[in-house]
Amino acid sequence: MALMAAFDPVELEVEDESHRHAGHVGARDGRGHFRVRIRSDRFVGMPPLARHRAVYAALGPLMTTDIHALSIDAQPPEGTAAG
């Protein structure tokens, strides 16, 4: 998975929430709605916007082919500085 390769996370949860958006205009093209919770040392010292941008960059083309909407909770592991 792209997020594993990019961040070597200590925690990663990906939840497909597409079923909650059945009939939604963006869901009609087959792309999904996902929620991501990721904890990685690579986020240490990064502000929240930079962490979100890093997740989007790691997913690359999936954002235009498979993912319609993405909710991101990206943090350093507990006990480390968030940024």
PDB file of N, CA and C in Angstrom:
ATOM      1  N   MET A   1       0.837  -1.176   0.000  1.00  0.00           N
ATOM      2  CA  MET A   1       0.000   0.000   0.000  1.00  0.00           C
ATOM      3  C   MET A   1       0.890   1.250   0.000  1.00  0.00           C
ATOM      4  N   ALA A   2       0.450   2.263  -0.678  1.00  0.00           N
ATOM      5  CA  ALA A   2       1.227   3.496  -0.849  1.00  0.00           C
ATOM      6  C   ALA A   2       1.549   4.177   0.475  1.00  0.00           C
ATOM      7  N   LEU A   3       0.614   4.177   1.409  1.00  0.00           N
ATOM      8  CA  LEU A   3       0.853   4.848   2.691  1.00  0.00           C
ATOM      9  C   LEU A   3       1.885   4.104   3.526  1.00  0.00           C
ATOM     10  N   MET A   4       1.888   2.794   3.466  1.00  0.00           N
ATOM     11  CA  MET A   4       2.896   2.009   4.180  1.00  0.00           C
ATOM     12  C   MET A   4       4.281   2.316   3.633  1.00  0.00           C
ATOM     13  N   ALA A   5       4.406   2.340   2.337  1.00  0.00           N
ATOM     14  CA  ALA A   5       5.704   2.581   1.704  1.00  0.00           C
ATOM     15  C   ALA A   5       6.217   3.992   1.982  1.00  0.00           C
ATOM     16  N   ALA A   6       5.332   4.963   1.970  1.00  0.00           N
ATOM     17  CA  ALA A   6       5.746   6.359   2.125  1.00  0.00           C
ATOM     18  C   ALA A   6       6.049   6.739   3.571  1.00  0.00           C
ATOM     19  N   PHE A   7       5.347   6.137   4.532  1.00  0.00           N
ATOM     20  CA  PHE A   7       5.438   6.622   5.906  1.00  0.00           C
ATOM     21  C   PHE A   7       5.918   5.608   6.931  1.00  0.00           C
ATOM     22  N   ASP A   8       5.981   4.329   6.591  1.00  0.00           N
ATOM     23  CA  ASP A   8       6.378   3.293   7.546  1.00  0.00           C
ATOM     24  C   ASP A   8       5.675   3.542   8.887  1.00  0.00           C
ATOM     25  N   PRO A   9       4.347   3.589   8.881  1.00  0.00           N
ATOM     26  CA  PRO A   9       3.611   4.010  10.069  1.00  0.00           C
ATOM     27  C   PRO A   9       3.668   2.995  11.215  1.00  0.00           C
ATOM     28  N   VAL A  10       3.531   3.519  12.423  1.00  0.00           N
ATOM     29  CA  VAL A  10       3.392   2.650  13.585  1.00  0.00           C
ATOM     30  C   VAL A  10       1.922   2.274  13.772  1.00  0.00           C
ATOM     31  N   GLU A  11       1.050   3.036  13.133  1.00  0.00           N
ATOM     32  CA  GLU A  11      -0.383   2.750  13.148  1.00  0.00           C
ATOM     33  C   GLU A  11      -0.988   3.232  11.839  1.00  0.00           C
ATOM     34  N   LEU A  12      -1.831   2.403  11.253  1.00  0.00           N
ATOM     35  CA  LEU A  12      -2.531   2.789  10.026  1.00  0.00           C
ATOM     36  C   LEU A  12      -3.888   2.115  10.005  1.00  0.00           C
ATOM     37  N   GLU A  13      -4.923   2.923   9.896  1.00  0.00           N
ATOM     38  CA  GLU A  13      -6.290   2.433   9.746  1.00  0.00           C
ATOM     39  C   GLU A  13      -6.883   3.107   8.516  1.00  0.00           C
ATOM     40  N   VAL A  14      -7.416   2.319   7.624  1.00  0.00           N
ATOM     41  CA  VAL A  14      -8.100   2.851   6.456  1.00  0.00           C
ATOM     42  C   VAL A  14      -9.505   2.271   6.467  1.00  0.00           C
ATOM     43  N   GLU A  15     -10.483   3.148   6.521  1.00  0.00           N
ATOM     44  CA  GLU A  15     -11.881   2.716   6.557  1.00  0.00           C
ATOM     45  C   GLU A  15     -12.591   3.193   5.293  1.00  0.00           C
ATOM     46  N   ASP A  16     -13.204   2.260   4.608  1.00  0.00           N
ATOM     47  CA  ASP A  16     -14.002   2.592   3.426  1.00  0.00           C
ATOM     48  C   ASP A  16     -15.392   2.995   3.906  1.00  0.00           C
ATOM     49  N   GLU A  17     -15.707   4.261   3.723  1.00  0.00           N
ATOM     50  CA  GLU A  17     -17.006   4.786   4.140  1.00  0.00           C
ATOM     51  C   GLU A  17     -17.929   5.020   2.948  1.00  0.00           C
ATOM     52  N   SER A  18     -17.628   4.412   1.837  1.00  0.00           N
ATOM     53  CA  SER A  18     -18.399   4.641   0.614  1.00  0.00           C
ATOM     54  C   SER A  18     -19.877   4.313   0.792  1.00  0.00           C
ATOM     55  N   HIS A  19     -20.173   3.295   1.592  1.00  0.00           N
ATOM     56  CA  HIS A  19     -21.572   2.906   1.793  1.00  0.00           C
ATOM     57  C   HIS A  19     -22.399   4.039   2.402  1.00  0.00           C
ATOM     58  N   ARG A  20     -21.752   4.950   3.121  1.00  0.00           N
ATOM     59  CA  ARG A  20     -22.453   6.082   3.718  1.00  0.00           C
ATOM     60  C   ARG A  20     -22.811   7.156   2.691  1.00  0.00           C
ATOM     61  N   HIS A  21     -22.249   7.041   1.510  1.00  0.00           N
ATOM     62  CA  HIS A  21     -22.413   8.082   0.498  1.00  0.00           C
ATOM     63  C   HIS A  21     -23.108   7.567  -0.763  1.00  0.00           C
ATOM     64  N   ALA A  22     -23.808   6.468  -0.637  1.00  0.00           N
ATOM     65  CA  ALA A  22     -24.538   5.917  -1.783  1.00  0.00           C
ATOM     66  C   ALA A  22     -25.483   6.973  -2.334  1.00  0.00           C
ATOM     67  N   GLY A  23     -25.435   7.173  -3.624  1.00  0.00           N
ATOM     68  CA  GLY A  23     -26.279   8.162  -4.276  1.00  0.00           C
ATOM     69  C   GLY A  23     -25.670   9.547  -4.333  1.00  0.00           C
ATOM     70  N   HIS A  24     -24.599   9.763  -3.611  1.00  0.00           N
ATOM     71  CA  HIS A  24     -23.889  11.044  -3.623  1.00  0.00           C
ATOM     72  C   HIS A  24     -23.298  11.262  -5.010  1.00  0.00           C
ATOM     73  N   VAL A  25     -23.338  12.470  -5.509  1.00  0.00           N
ATOM     74  CA  VAL A  25     -22.879  12.777  -6.865  1.00  0.00           C
ATOM     75  C   VAL A  25     -21.466  12.262  -7.102  1.00  0.00           C
ATOM     76  N   GLY A  26     -20.553  12.484  -6.166  1.00  0.00           N
ATOM     77  CA  GLY A  26     -19.173  12.051  -6.337  1.00  0.00           C
ATOM     78  C   GLY A  26     -18.992  10.552  -6.289  1.00  0.00           C
ATOM     79  N   ALA A  27     -19.936   9.846  -5.690  1.00  0.00           N
ATOM     80  CA  ALA A  27     -19.827   8.393  -5.578  1.00  0.00           C
ATOM     81  C   ALA A  27     -20.333   7.685  -6.829  1.00  0.00           C
ATOM     82  N   ARG A  28     -21.034   8.376  -7.674  1.00  0.00           N
ATOM     83  CA  ARG A  28     -21.618   7.743  -8.856  1.00  0.00           C
ATOM     84  C   ARG A  28     -20.576   7.276  -9.866  1.00  0.00           C
ATOM     85  N   ASP A  29     -19.387   7.879  -9.838  1.00  0.00           N
ATOM     86  CA  ASP A  29     -18.363   7.476 -10.803  1.00  0.00           C
ATOM     87  C   ASP A  29     -17.540   6.284 -10.312  1.00  0.00           C
ATOM     88  N   GLY A  30     -17.924   5.714  -9.160  1.00  0.00           N
ATOM     89  CA  GLY A  30     -17.259   4.524  -8.659  1.00  0.00           C
ATOM     90  C   GLY A  30     -16.097   4.783  -7.718  1.00  0.00           C
ATOM     91  N   ARG A  31     -15.727   6.050  -7.561  1.00  0.00           N
ATOM     92  CA  ARG A  31     -14.638   6.343  -6.626  1.00  0.00           C
ATOM     93  C   ARG A  31     -15.182   6.365  -5.203  1.00  0.00           C
ATOM     94  N   GLY A  32     -14.339   6.013  -4.243  1.00  0.00           N
ATOM     95  CA  GLY A  32     -14.797   5.830  -2.883  1.00  0.00           C
ATOM     96  C   GLY A  32     -14.526   6.976  -1.932  1.00  0.00           C
ATOM     97  N   HIS A  33     -15.145   6.865  -0.776  1.00  0.00           N
ATOM     98  CA  HIS A  33     -14.972   7.785   0.348  1.00  0.00           C
ATOM     99  C   HIS A  33     -14.225   7.013   1.431  1.00  0.00           C
ATOM    100  N   PHE A  34     -13.106   7.554   1.878  1.00  0.00           N
ATOM    101  CA  PHE A  34     -12.270   6.848   2.836  1.00  0.00           C
ATOM    102  C   PHE A  34     -11.889   7.742   4.002  1.00  0.00           C
ATOM    103  N   ARG A  35     -11.656   7.091   5.143  1.00  0.00           N
ATOM    104  CA  ARG A  35     -11.135   7.749   6.342  1.00  0.00           C
ATOM    105  C   ARG A  35      -9.807   7.074   6.657  1.00  0.00           C
ATOM    106  N   VAL A  36      -8.763   7.895   6.855  1.00  0.00           N
ATOM    107  CA  VAL A  36      -7.421   7.388   7.154  1.00  0.00           C
ATOM    108  C   VAL A  36      -6.965   7.937   8.495  1.00  0.00           C
ATOM    109  N   ARG A  37      -6.493   7.049   9.339  1.00  0.00           N
ATOM    110  CA  ARG A  37      -5.830   7.423  10.591  1.00  0.00           C
ATOM    111  C   ARG A  37      -4.433   6.836  10.495  1.00  0.00           C
ATOM    112  N   ILE A  38      -3.419   7.700  10.545  1.00  0.00           N
ATOM    113  CA  ILE A  38      -2.043   7.258  10.375  1.00  0.00           C
ATOM    114  C   ILE A  38      -1.150   7.940  11.404  1.00  0.00           C
ATOM    115  N   ARG A  39      -0.270   7.157  12.000  1.00  0.00           N
ATOM    116  CA  ARG A  39       0.714   7.652  12.962  1.00  0.00           C
ATOM    117  C   ARG A  39       2.093   7.240  12.450  1.00  0.00           C
ATOM    118  N   SER A  40       2.960   8.231  12.247  1.00  0.00           N
ATOM    119  CA  SER A  40       4.283   7.952  11.696  1.00  0.00           C
ATOM    120  C   SER A  40       5.312   8.929  12.241  1.00  0.00           C
ATOM    121  N   ASP A  41       6.522   8.430  12.454  1.00  0.00           N
ATOM    122  CA  ASP A  41       7.630   9.298  12.855  1.00  0.00           C
ATOM    123  C   ASP A  41       7.931  10.339  11.786  1.00  0.00           C
ATOM    124  N   ARG A  42       7.549  10.078  10.567  1.00  0.00           N
ATOM    125  CA  ARG A  42       7.816  11.021   9.478  1.00  0.00           C
ATOM    126  C   ARG A  42       7.019  12.314   9.621  1.00  0.00           C
ATOM    127  N   PHE A  43       6.015  12.311  10.481  1.00  0.00           N
ATOM    128  CA  PHE A  43       5.203  13.509  10.702  1.00  0.00           C
ATOM    129  C   PHE A  43       5.760  14.404  11.814  1.00  0.00           C
ATOM    130  N   VAL A  44       6.781  13.943  12.516  1.00  0.00           N
ATOM    131  CA  VAL A  44       7.361  14.728  13.606  1.00  0.00           C
ATOM    132  C   VAL A  44       7.861  16.062  13.046  1.00  0.00           C
ATOM    133  N   GLY A  45       7.438  17.140  13.678  1.00  0.00           N
ATOM    134  CA  GLY A  45       7.862  18.472  13.275  1.00  0.00           C
ATOM    135  C   GLY A  45       7.108  19.060  12.097  1.00  0.00           C
ATOM    136  N   MET A  46       6.169  18.314  11.530  1.00  0.00           N
ATOM    137  CA  MET A  46       5.396  18.810  10.388  1.00  0.00           C
ATOM    138  C   MET A  46       4.084  19.431  10.880  1.00  0.00           C
ATOM    139  N   PRO A  47       3.731  20.614  10.375  1.00  0.00           N
ATOM    140  CA  PRO A  47       2.419  21.173  10.714  1.00  0.00           C
ATOM    141  C   PRO A  47       1.305  20.352  10.046  1.00  0.00           C
ATOM    142  N   PRO A  48       0.084  20.461  10.557  1.00  0.00           N
ATOM    143  CA  PRO A  48      -1.024  19.652  10.031  1.00  0.00           C
ATOM    144  C   PRO A  48      -1.206  19.734   8.512  1.00  0.00           C
ATOM    145  N   LEU A  49      -1.138  20.923   7.940  1.00  0.00           N
ATOM    146  CA  LEU A  49      -1.335  21.051   6.494  1.00  0.00           C
ATOM    147  C   LEU A  49      -0.262  20.288   5.720  1.00  0.00           C
ATOM    148  N   ALA A  50       0.958  20.325   6.183  1.00  0.00           N
ATOM    149  CA  ALA A  50       2.044  19.600   5.522  1.00  0.00           C
ATOM    150  C   ALA A  50       1.829  18.088   5.621  1.00  0.00           C
ATOM    151  N   ARG A  51       1.302  17.616   6.750  1.00  0.00           N
ATOM    152  CA  ARG A  51       1.019  16.174   6.891  1.00  0.00           C
ATOM    153  C   ARG A  51      -0.058  15.749   5.902  1.00  0.00           C
ATOM    154  N   HIS A  52      -1.107  16.565   5.772  1.00  0.00           N
ATOM    155  CA  HIS A  52      -2.181  16.237   4.824  1.00  0.00           C
ATOM    156  C   HIS A  52      -1.646  16.241   3.393  1.00  0.00           C
ATOM    157  N   ARG A  53      -0.851  17.229   3.066  1.00  0.00           N
ATOM    158  CA  ARG A  53      -0.284  17.280   1.718  1.00  0.00           C
ATOM    159  C   ARG A  53       0.601  16.075   1.450  1.00  0.00           C
ATOM    160  N   ALA A  54       1.338  15.625   2.454  1.00  0.00           N
ATOM    161  CA  ALA A  54       2.202  14.453   2.286  1.00  0.00           C
ATOM    162  C   ALA A  54       1.373  13.194   2.027  1.00  0.00           C
ATOM    163  N   VAL A  55       0.237  13.071   2.716  1.00  0.00           N
ATOM    164  CA  VAL A  55      -0.640  11.915   2.493  1.00  0.00           C
ATOM    165  C   VAL A  55      -1.208  11.962   1.076  1.00  0.00           C
ATOM    166  N   TYR A  56      -1.693  13.123   0.658  1.00  0.00           N
ATOM    167  CA  TYR A  56      -2.213  13.252  -0.707  1.00  0.00           C
ATOM    168  C   TYR A  56      -1.129  12.918  -1.736  1.00  0.00           C
ATOM    169  N   ALA A  57       0.075  13.402  -1.519  1.00  0.00           N
ATOM    170  CA  ALA A  57       1.179  13.132  -2.450  1.00  0.00           C
ATOM    171  C   ALA A  57       1.493  11.643  -2.504  1.00  0.00           C
ATOM    172  N   ALA A  58       1.469  10.975  -1.357  1.00  0.00           N
ATOM    173  CA  ALA A  58       1.758   9.541  -1.326  1.00  0.00           C
ATOM    174  C   ALA A  58       0.701   8.741  -2.083  1.00  0.00           C
ATOM    175  N   LEU A  59      -0.532   9.206  -2.036  1.00  0.00           N
ATOM    176  CA  LEU A  59      -1.616   8.501  -2.737  1.00  0.00           C
ATOM    177  C   LEU A  59      -1.620   8.804  -4.233  1.00  0.00           C
ATOM    178  N   GLY A  60      -1.003   9.921  -4.617  1.00  0.00           N
ATOM    179  CA  GLY A  60      -0.810  10.270  -6.022  1.00  0.00           C
ATOM    180  C   GLY A  60      -2.027  10.068  -6.891  1.00  0.00           C
ATOM    181  N   PRO A  61      -1.883   9.256  -7.936  1.00  0.00           N
ATOM    182  CA  PRO A  61      -2.972   9.086  -8.904  1.00  0.00           C
ATOM    183  C   PRO A  61      -4.231   8.444  -8.333  1.00  0.00           C
ATOM    184  N   LEU A  62      -4.122   7.763  -7.195  1.00  0.00           N
ATOM    185  CA  LEU A  62      -5.327   7.172  -6.600  1.00  0.00           C
ATOM    186  C   LEU A  62      -6.369   8.238  -6.274  1.00  0.00           C
ATOM    187  N   MET A  63      -5.895   9.474  -6.057  1.00  0.00           N
ATOM    188  CA  MET A  63      -6.821  10.560  -5.747  1.00  0.00           C
ATOM    189  C   MET A  63      -7.701  10.910  -6.943  1.00  0.00           C
ATOM    190  N   THR A  64      -7.312  10.550  -8.128  1.00  0.00           N
ATOM    191  CA  THR A  64      -8.132  10.846  -9.302  1.00  0.00           C
ATOM    192  C   THR A  64      -8.768   9.600  -9.907  1.00  0.00           C
ATOM    193  N   THR A  65      -8.315   8.420  -9.481  1.00  0.00           N
ATOM    194  CA  THR A  65      -8.851   7.195 -10.072  1.00  0.00           C
ATOM    195  C   THR A  65      -9.724   6.378  -9.133  1.00  0.00           C
ATOM    196  N   ASP A  66      -9.402   6.377  -7.838  1.00  0.00           N
ATOM    197  CA  ASP A  66     -10.097   5.511  -6.892  1.00  0.00           C
ATOM    198  C   ASP A  66     -10.738   6.234  -5.708  1.00  0.00           C
ATOM    199  N   ILE A  67     -10.237   7.408  -5.393  1.00  0.00           N
ATOM    200  CA  ILE A  67     -10.686   8.106  -4.189  1.00  0.00           C
ATOM    201  C   ILE A  67     -11.412   9.393  -4.567  1.00  0.00           C
ATOM    202  N   HIS A  68     -12.638   9.506  -4.098  1.00  0.00           N
ATOM    203  CA  HIS A  68     -13.408  10.745  -4.304  1.00  0.00           C
ATOM    204  C   HIS A  68     -13.239  11.679  -3.113  1.00  0.00           C
ATOM    205  N   ALA A  69     -13.322  11.114  -1.914  1.00  0.00           N
ATOM    206  CA  ALA A  69     -13.222  11.919  -0.700  1.00  0.00           C
ATOM    207  C   ALA A  69     -12.340  11.202   0.308  1.00  0.00           C
ATOM    208  N   LEU A  70     -11.556  11.996   1.049  1.00  0.00           N
ATOM    209  CA  LEU A  70     -10.618  11.420   1.996  1.00  0.00           C
ATOM    210  C   LEU A  70     -10.596  12.259   3.267  1.00  0.00           C
ATOM    211  N   SER A  71     -10.880  11.618   4.386  1.00  0.00           N
ATOM    212  CA  SER A  71     -10.767  12.251   5.692  1.00  0.00           C
ATOM    213  C   SER A  71      -9.445  11.764   6.295  1.00  0.00           C
ATOM    214  N   ILE A  72      -8.585  12.699   6.694  1.00  0.00           N
ATOM    215  CA  ILE A  72      -7.239  12.343   7.140  1.00  0.00           C
ATOM    216  C   ILE A  72      -7.018  12.760   8.588  1.00  0.00           C
ATOM    217  N   ASP A  73      -6.551  11.819   9.387  1.00  0.00           N
ATOM    218  CA  ASP A  73      -6.047  12.085  10.740  1.00  0.00           C
ATOM    219  C   ASP A  73      -4.600  11.599  10.725  1.00  0.00           C
ATOM    220  N   ALA A  74      -3.667  12.498  10.465  1.00  0.00           N
ATOM    221  CA  ALA A  74      -2.245  12.165  10.347  1.00  0.00           C
ATOM    222  C   ALA A  74      -1.484  12.847  11.481  1.00  0.00           C
ATOM    223  N   GLN A  75      -0.842  12.050  12.315  1.00  0.00           N
ATOM    224  CA  GLN A  75      -0.140  12.559  13.483  1.00  0.00           C
ATOM    225  C   GLN A  75       1.172  11.794  13.671  1.00  0.00           C
ATOM    226  N   PRO A  76       2.117  12.398  14.389  1.00  0.00           N
ATOM    227  CA  PRO A  76       3.263  11.613  14.830  1.00  0.00           C
ATOM    228  C   PRO A  76       2.788  10.645  15.918  1.00  0.00           C
ATOM    229  N   PRO A  77       3.557   9.616  16.228  1.00  0.00           N
ATOM    230  CA  PRO A  77       3.154   8.707  17.304  1.00  0.00           C
ATOM    231  C   PRO A  77       2.993   9.470  18.621  1.00  0.00           C
ATOM    232  N   GLU A  78       2.157   8.962  19.494  1.00  0.00           N
ATOM    233  CA  GLU A  78       1.948   9.613  20.795  1.00  0.00           C
ATOM    234  C   GLU A  78       3.269   9.719  21.521  1.00  0.00           C
ATOM    235  N   GLY A  79       3.447  10.851  22.195  1.00  0.00           N
ATOM    236  CA  GLY A  79       4.668  11.071  22.944  1.00  0.00           C
ATOM    237  C   GLY A  79       5.752  11.776  22.156  1.00  0.00           C
ATOM    238  N   THR A  80       5.469  12.105  20.879  1.00  0.00           N
ATOM    239  CA  THR A  80       6.431  12.860  20.069  1.00  0.00           C
ATOM    240  C   THR A  80       5.830  14.201  19.712  1.00  0.00           C
ATOM    241  N   ALA A  81       6.671  15.132  19.330  1.00  0.00           N
ATOM    242  CA  ALA A  81       6.215  16.490  19.001  1.00  0.00           C
ATOM    243  C   ALA A  81       5.483  16.499  17.675  1.00  0.00           C
ATOM    244  N   ALA A  82       4.305  17.102  17.644  1.00  0.00           N
ATOM    245  CA  ALA A  82       3.492  17.149  16.431  1.00  0.00           C
ATOM    246  C   ALA A  82       4.013  18.176  15.431  1.00  0.00           C
ATOM    247  N   GLY A  83       4.522  19.274  15.872  1.00  0.00           N
ATOM    248  CA  GLY A  83       4.984  20.296  14.924  1.00  0.00           C
ATOM    249  C   GLY A  83       4.205  21.561  14.992  1.00  0.00           C
TER     250      GLY A  83
END
